[in-house]
């Protein structure tokens, strides 16, 4: 089960709890997995799944453009990122942001794209977590109109409106194609874009974890797939359950996870990230960021909350509302849906 649906099944009591005793018997070592991934299958103090694979939003960068514009090193924080992105942004007259006569409405190349809709919300989630905020509070009510959230969304709005390093109203497909064509220096996308970028003729690129675009910690959106066991009837054959747990153990061993990374998935365990067999994988370049992935999961109404967040970010990026107003309105709407979901689930 993926991170966006597992919470609903946990709340509906449709999954079998994986007790510490069951994990010990199956020889599944919780300490081997990245903590944020392991926590994704926990609900009300109980565990219901074991991480089998993961994914993330990363920063692809054009190495040739960075060298051409004198950008030394991959940016690690907001200030470095903005400085590098502005160096790489030019209008059709060759002028950079801040120079006299620069035309932000007529860009020839740009430093980084702030895209719509889902990818924008996904990047914004990473900045929110980097600021120390979250989508929900401890009661799992939508709470993404916090000062941390407003600051995150305002920063992303400013990429176009203030810093002029991104075209306004940028569609995801356009941003991806521009990066393939070599006219975009930094590209925030999921690891699944790797295959397409490798196939782009003449594209010399690298991969890095998201810079610390927030103010407090390194963070990026992550996703996870967990292996789970459905609830069975009371007299279910214990041998079948033990066999299922044996499969979970085998499928999540480091050697299996290492093999799974050849499909584009990320390591779920530090031992796999450190394995010599993974060193040649292009995604090994983001190893230092694997512990900083934040997975929006663990509560029953992930889809409702995340959908409202994405809509708020989009409204702010399009200039329809201020970041604060967009987030306030979206939280109000999300919590109406949360209340209905609570009623439907009989959840507290």
Protein backbone atom coordinates (compact mmCIF):
# COMPACT_ATOMS: atom_id res chain seq x y z
CA UNK A 1 0.00 0.00 0.00
CA UNK A 2 1.18 3.50 -0.83
CA UNK A 3 1.51 6.24 1.76
CA UNK A 4 -1.57 8.13 0.61
CA UNK A 5 -4.03 5.27 1.17
CA UNK A 6 -2.61 3.20 4.02
CA UNK A 7 -3.93 5.58 6.69
CA UNK A 8 -7.53 5.01 5.63
CA UNK A 9 -7.14 1.24 5.81
CA UNK A 10 -5.45 1.45 9.22
CA UNK A 11 -8.28 3.59 10.57
CA UNK A 12 -10.89 1.20 9.18
CA UNK A 13 -9.17 -1.65 11.04
CA UNK A 14 -8.76 -3.51 7.77
CA UNK A 15 -5.09 -4.32 8.37
CA UNK A 16 -3.45 -6.73 10.80
CA UNK A 17 -1.26 -5.14 13.45
CA UNK A 18 2.40 -6.15 13.22
CA UNK A 19 3.27 -6.50 16.88
CA UNK A 20 6.84 -6.36 18.20
CA UNK A 21 6.57 -10.08 18.94
CA UNK A 22 5.47 -10.84 15.36
CA UNK A 23 8.33 -8.78 13.95
CA UNK A 24 10.86 -10.53 16.18
CA UNK A 25 9.52 -13.92 15.16
CA UNK A 26 9.77 -12.94 11.49
CA UNK A 27 13.25 -11.44 12.08
CA UNK A 28 12.25 -8.04 10.73
CA UNK A 29 14.59 -5.40 12.19
CA UNK A 30 12.85 -2.05 12.57
CA UNK A 31 16.15 -0.31 13.30
CA UNK A 32 17.44 -1.07 9.82
CA UNK A 33 14.94 1.24 8.09
CA UNK A 34 14.92 5.00 7.78
CA UNK A 35 12.81 6.29 10.64
CA UNK A 36 10.53 8.50 8.57
CA UNK A 37 9.63 5.57 6.30
CA UNK A 38 9.05 3.18 9.19
CA UNK A 39 6.76 5.69 10.91
CA UNK A 40 4.54 5.88 7.82
CA UNK A 41 2.70 2.67 8.73
CA UNK A 42 2.01 3.59 12.34
CA UNK A 43 -1.40 4.62 13.60
CA UNK A 44 -2.50 5.22 17.18
CA UNK A 45 0.68 3.65 18.50
CA UNK A 46 0.41 0.47 16.42
CA UNK A 47 2.35 -0.70 13.37
CA UNK A 48 0.65 -2.10 10.26
CA UNK A 49 3.30 -2.27 7.54
CA UNK A 50 6.98 -2.63 6.63
CA UNK A 51 8.62 -0.28 4.05
CA UNK A 52 9.35 -2.06 0.77
CA UNK A 53 10.40 0.89 -1.44
CA UNK A 54 10.45 4.66 -1.43
CA UNK A 55 10.54 7.70 -3.69
CA UNK A 56 11.24 11.42 -3.35
CA UNK A 57 11.33 14.84 -4.92
CA UNK A 58 14.92 15.78 -5.78
CA UNK A 59 16.77 18.58 -7.54
CA UNK A 60 18.09 17.84 -11.01
CA UNK A 61 20.65 20.40 -12.18
CA UNK A 62 22.28 21.23 -15.51
CA UNK A 63 26.02 20.91 -14.93
CA UNK A 64 26.92 22.64 -18.19
CA UNK A 65 24.82 25.71 -17.43
CA UNK A 66 26.23 25.99 -13.93
CA UNK A 67 29.79 25.98 -15.28
CA UNK A 68 28.92 28.43 -18.04
CA UNK A 69 27.46 30.96 -15.64
CA UNK A 70 30.17 30.56 -13.01
CA UNK A 71 28.03 28.79 -10.42
CA UNK A 72 30.45 26.97 -8.13
CA UNK A 73 29.02 23.91 -6.42
CA UNK A 74 25.50 22.66 -5.91
CA UNK A 75 23.49 25.02 -3.67
CA UNK A 76 22.85 23.70 -0.18
CA UNK A 77 20.57 26.37 1.26
CA UNK A 78 18.10 29.09 0.25
CA UNK A 79 20.64 31.89 -0.14
CA UNK A 80 22.96 29.80 -2.30
CA UNK A 81 20.05 28.56 -4.37
CA UNK A 82 18.69 32.06 -5.05
CA UNK A 83 22.13 33.39 -5.97
CA UNK A 84 22.75 30.51 -8.38
CA UNK A 85 19.25 30.67 -9.89
CA UNK A 86 19.50 34.40 -10.55
CA UNK A 87 22.87 33.96 -12.26
CA UNK A 88 21.29 31.45 -14.60
CA UNK A 89 18.18 33.52 -15.41
CA UNK A 90 18.34 35.72 -18.50
CA UNK A 91 15.82 37.56 -20.62
CA UNK A 92 15.96 37.63 -24.42
CA UNK A 93 18.38 40.56 -24.26
CA UNK A 94 20.79 38.57 -22.08
CA UNK A 95 20.10 40.59 -18.92
CA UNK A 96 19.88 39.04 -15.43
CA UNK A 97 17.44 39.82 -12.61
CA UNK A 98 18.47 43.03 -10.89
CA UNK A 99 20.13 44.49 -13.96
CA UNK A 100 18.77 47.65 -15.53
CA UNK A 101 16.26 46.88 -18.26
CA UNK A 102 15.74 43.23 -17.26
CA UNK A 103 12.36 41.99 -18.53
CA UNK A 104 10.90 39.25 -16.26
CA UNK A 105 8.07 38.64 -18.71
CA UNK A 106 10.35 37.67 -21.55
CA UNK A 107 12.77 35.03 -20.24
CA UNK A 108 15.20 33.24 -22.50
CA UNK A 109 16.46 30.88 -19.79
CA UNK A 110 15.54 30.56 -16.15
CA UNK A 111 17.12 29.36 -12.94
CA UNK A 112 14.37 27.18 -11.49
CA UNK A 113 10.74 26.49 -12.28
CA UNK A 114 7.87 26.85 -9.82
CA UNK A 115 5.29 24.62 -11.48
CA UNK A 116 1.59 23.80 -11.18
CA UNK A 117 -0.29 22.00 -9.85
CA UNK A 118 0.79 18.81 -8.03
CA UNK A 119 4.55 19.33 -8.27
CA UNK A 120 4.15 22.84 -6.87
CA UNK A 121 2.31 21.53 -3.84
CA UNK A 122 4.89 18.77 -3.45
CA UNK A 123 7.81 21.20 -3.46
CA UNK A 124 5.89 23.48 -1.10
CA UNK A 125 5.38 20.57 1.30
CA UNK A 126 9.15 20.09 1.45
CA UNK A 127 9.67 23.79 2.22
CA UNK A 128 6.93 23.62 4.86
CA UNK A 129 8.69 20.71 6.58
CA UNK A 130 12.01 22.52 6.19
CA UNK A 131 10.44 25.41 8.12
CA UNK A 132 9.46 22.98 10.90
CA UNK A 133 5.74 22.91 10.01
CA UNK A 134 3.36 20.16 8.93
CA UNK A 135 0.05 19.71 7.12
CA UNK A 136 -1.78 18.51 10.24
CA UNK A 137 -1.62 19.00 13.99
CA UNK A 138 -1.32 16.27 16.62
CA UNK A 139 -5.05 15.54 16.30
CA UNK A 140 -4.69 15.13 12.51
CA UNK A 141 -6.77 18.23 11.79
CA UNK A 142 -5.63 20.29 8.81
CA UNK A 143 -3.31 22.97 10.18
CA UNK A 144 -1.31 24.16 7.20
CA UNK A 145 -2.13 27.85 7.65
CA UNK A 146 0.64 28.18 10.23
CA UNK A 147 3.31 30.91 10.05
CA UNK A 148 5.70 28.22 8.77
CA UNK A 149 3.32 27.39 5.92
CA UNK A 150 2.68 31.02 4.99
CA UNK A 151 6.43 31.68 4.87
CA UNK A 152 6.99 28.61 2.68
CA UNK A 153 4.32 29.50 0.13
CA UNK A 154 5.32 33.17 0.07
CA UNK A 155 8.90 32.17 -0.73
CA UNK A 156 7.75 30.06 -3.67
CA UNK A 157 5.47 32.84 -4.94
CA UNK A 158 8.47 35.16 -4.76
CA UNK A 159 10.53 32.91 -7.05
CA UNK A 160 8.55 34.38 -9.90
CA UNK A 161 7.19 37.67 -8.58
CA UNK A 162 10.21 38.96 -6.64
CA UNK A 163 13.34 37.07 -7.63
CA UNK A 164 12.25 36.45 -11.24
CA UNK A 165 14.01 33.07 -11.50
CA UNK A 166 10.87 31.24 -12.67
CA UNK A 167 8.34 32.02 -15.38
CA UNK A 168 4.85 32.69 -13.99
CA UNK A 169 2.07 30.11 -14.40
CA UNK A 170 4.51 27.39 -15.41
CA UNK A 171 3.06 24.02 -16.39
CA UNK A 172 4.90 20.88 -15.31
CA UNK A 173 5.27 19.46 -18.82
CA UNK A 174 6.74 22.73 -20.05
CA UNK A 175 9.24 22.82 -17.19
CA UNK A 176 10.34 19.22 -17.85
CA UNK A 177 10.78 19.88 -21.57
CA UNK A 178 12.70 23.08 -20.93
CA UNK A 179 15.11 21.21 -18.68
CA UNK A 180 15.58 18.52 -21.33
CA UNK A 181 16.35 21.26 -23.85
CA UNK A 182 19.03 22.72 -21.58
CA UNK A 183 17.33 26.05 -20.82
CA UNK A 184 16.58 25.51 -17.14
CA UNK A 185 19.32 25.13 -14.55
CA UNK A 186 17.51 23.66 -11.52
CA UNK A 187 14.57 21.31 -11.86
CA UNK A 188 12.54 20.09 -8.88
CA UNK A 189 11.02 16.76 -9.85
CA UNK A 190 10.43 13.21 -8.69
CA UNK A 191 13.10 10.56 -9.10
CA UNK A 192 10.89 9.01 -11.79
CA UNK A 193 12.08 11.65 -14.28
CA UNK A 194 15.56 10.11 -14.35
CA UNK A 195 14.91 7.82 -17.32
CA UNK A 196 13.57 10.65 -19.48
CA UNK A 197 16.44 12.97 -18.63
CA UNK A 198 19.03 10.28 -19.35
CA UNK A 199 17.50 9.88 -22.80
CA UNK A 200 17.57 13.63 -23.59
CA UNK A 201 20.27 14.27 -26.23
CA UNK A 202 23.20 16.32 -24.98
CA UNK A 203 21.78 16.89 -21.49
CA UNK A 204 24.60 16.90 -18.92
CA UNK A 205 22.91 16.82 -15.54
CA UNK A 206 23.42 15.88 -11.93
CA UNK A 207 21.09 15.03 -9.06
CA UNK A 208 21.06 16.36 -5.51
CA UNK A 209 18.76 16.45 -2.49
CA UNK A 210 16.63 19.57 -2.23
CA UNK A 211 18.61 22.48 -0.80
CA UNK A 212 17.44 23.71 2.58
CA UNK A 213 14.82 26.01 1.08
CA UNK A 214 13.21 26.51 4.47
CA UNK A 215 14.65 28.01 7.62
CA UNK A 216 15.21 25.16 10.10
CA UNK A 217 16.14 21.80 8.62
CA UNK A 218 16.83 19.84 5.44
CA UNK A 219 13.59 18.34 4.14
CA UNK A 220 11.90 17.01 1.04
CA UNK A 221 8.68 15.21 0.16
CA UNK A 222 8.99 11.45 0.23
CA UNK A 223 6.73 8.52 -0.59
CA UNK A 224 6.74 4.91 0.52
CA UNK A 225 5.20 1.57 -0.34
CA UNK A 226 4.53 -0.70 2.64
CA UNK A 227 3.85 -4.41 2.70
CA UNK A 228 0.75 -5.07 4.80
CA UNK A 229 -1.42 -7.99 5.91
CA UNK A 230 -5.20 -7.72 5.63
CA UNK A 231 -7.36 -8.67 8.58
CA UNK A 232 -8.47 -12.31 8.41
CA UNK A 233 -11.20 -14.36 10.08
CA UNK A 234 -10.57 -15.52 13.63
CA UNK A 235 -9.66 -19.10 12.66
CA UNK A 236 -7.29 -18.10 9.85
CA UNK A 237 -4.49 -20.62 9.32
CA UNK A 238 -1.51 -19.52 11.40
CA UNK A 239 0.87 -21.17 8.94
CA UNK A 240 -0.42 -18.96 6.13
CA UNK A 241 0.11 -15.86 8.25
CA UNK A 242 3.62 -16.99 9.15
CA UNK A 243 4.32 -17.61 5.45
CA UNK A 244 3.11 -14.09 4.64
CA UNK A 245 5.40 -12.65 7.32
CA UNK A 246 8.28 -14.68 5.92
CA UNK A 247 7.62 -13.11 2.52
CA UNK A 248 7.59 -9.64 4.11
CA UNK A 249 10.94 -10.40 5.75
CA UNK A 250 12.47 -11.70 2.53
CA UNK A 251 11.08 -8.92 0.32
CA UNK A 252 12.46 -6.19 2.61
CA UNK A 253 15.94 -7.65 3.09
CA UNK A 254 18.77 -5.31 2.02
CA UNK A 255 19.63 -7.49 -0.99
CA UNK A 256 16.04 -7.35 -2.26
CA UNK A 257 15.79 -3.61 -1.67
CA UNK A 258 19.09 -3.14 -3.52
CA UNK A 259 17.71 -5.04 -6.51
CA UNK A 260 14.49 -3.01 -6.36
CA UNK A 261 16.46 0.23 -6.68
CA UNK A 262 17.38 -0.77 -10.24
CA UNK A 263 13.76 0.02 -11.15
CA UNK A 264 14.15 3.61 -9.94
CA UNK A 265 13.03 3.17 -6.33
CA UNK A 266 15.15 4.57 -3.50
CA UNK A 267 16.74 2.64 -0.63
CA UNK A 268 14.60 2.10 2.46
CA UNK A 269 17.65 1.35 4.59
CA UNK A 270 21.02 3.00 5.20
CA UNK A 271 22.80 -0.32 4.58
CA UNK A 272 21.49 -0.34 1.02
CA UNK A 273 22.45 3.29 0.43
CA UNK A 274 25.98 2.42 1.61
CA UNK A 275 26.24 -0.78 -0.43
CA UNK A 276 28.96 -0.85 -3.09
CA UNK A 277 26.40 -2.22 -5.50
CA UNK A 278 24.38 0.99 -5.19
CA UNK A 279 27.32 3.35 -5.67
CA UNK A 280 26.93 3.41 -9.46
CA UNK A 281 23.19 4.14 -9.30
CA UNK A 282 22.63 7.79 -10.38
CA UNK A 283 20.35 8.28 -7.37
CA UNK A 284 23.25 7.53 -5.03
CA UNK A 285 23.98 11.25 -5.42
CA UNK A 286 21.10 11.99 -3.03
CA UNK A 287 22.14 9.54 -0.29
CA UNK A 288 22.78 12.36 2.15
CA UNK A 289 19.15 13.42 1.86
CA UNK A 290 17.47 10.05 2.44
CA UNK A 291 17.11 10.60 6.18
CA UNK A 292 15.42 13.94 5.51
CA UNK A 293 12.44 12.65 3.54
CA UNK A 294 9.06 13.48 5.07
CA UNK A 295 6.15 11.30 4.03
CA UNK A 296 2.63 12.79 4.37
CA UNK A 297 0.94 9.73 5.80
CA UNK A 298 -0.22 8.06 9.02
CA UNK A 299 -3.72 9.56 9.15
CA UNK A 300 -6.94 8.53 7.39
CA UNK A 301 -7.66 11.65 5.32
CA UNK A 302 -4.36 12.27 3.57
CA UNK A 303 -6.07 12.78 0.21
CA UNK A 304 -8.45 15.44 1.53
CA UNK A 305 -5.74 17.39 3.33
CA UNK A 306 -3.18 17.11 0.54
CA UNK A 307 -5.73 18.07 -2.11
CA UNK A 308 -6.65 21.22 -0.20
CA UNK A 309 -2.98 22.10 0.30
CA UNK A 310 -2.23 21.74 -3.41
CA UNK A 311 -5.20 23.95 -4.29
CA UNK A 312 -4.06 26.63 -1.85
CA UNK A 313 -0.52 26.64 -3.24
CA UNK A 314 -1.87 26.88 -6.78
CA UNK A 315 -4.18 29.79 -5.89
CA UNK A 316 -1.26 31.66 -4.35
CA UNK A 317 1.07 30.98 -7.29
CA UNK A 318 -1.55 32.18 -9.75
CA UNK A 319 -2.05 35.36 -7.73
CA UNK A 320 -5.71 34.63 -7.08
CA UNK A 321 -5.21 34.97 -3.33
CA UNK A 322 -2.47 35.95 -0.92
CA UNK A 323 -0.65 32.95 0.59
CA UNK A 324 -2.30 33.57 3.98
CA UNK A 325 -5.81 33.86 2.53
CA UNK A 326 -5.33 30.84 0.28
CA UNK A 327 -4.12 28.69 3.17
CA UNK A 328 -6.82 29.89 5.58
CA UNK A 329 -9.56 29.13 3.08
CA UNK A 330 -8.11 25.72 2.24
CA UNK A 331 -7.73 24.70 5.89
CA UNK A 332 -11.36 25.61 6.51
CA UNK A 333 -12.49 23.50 3.57
CA UNK A 334 -10.16 20.62 4.43
CA UNK A 335 -11.42 20.42 7.99
CA UNK A 336 -15.01 20.17 6.76
CA UNK A 337 -13.93 17.12 4.80
CA UNK A 338 -11.96 15.79 7.76
CA UNK A 339 -15.03 16.10 9.97
CA UNK A 340 -17.08 14.16 7.43
CA UNK A 341 -14.36 11.51 7.14
CA UNK A 342 -14.28 11.18 10.92
CA UNK A 343 -18.00 10.62 10.95
CA UNK A 344 -17.80 8.03 8.18
CA UNK A 345 -14.97 6.18 9.87
CA UNK A 346 -16.26 6.52 13.40
CA UNK A 347 -12.82 7.94 14.20
CA UNK A 348 -12.10 10.29 17.08
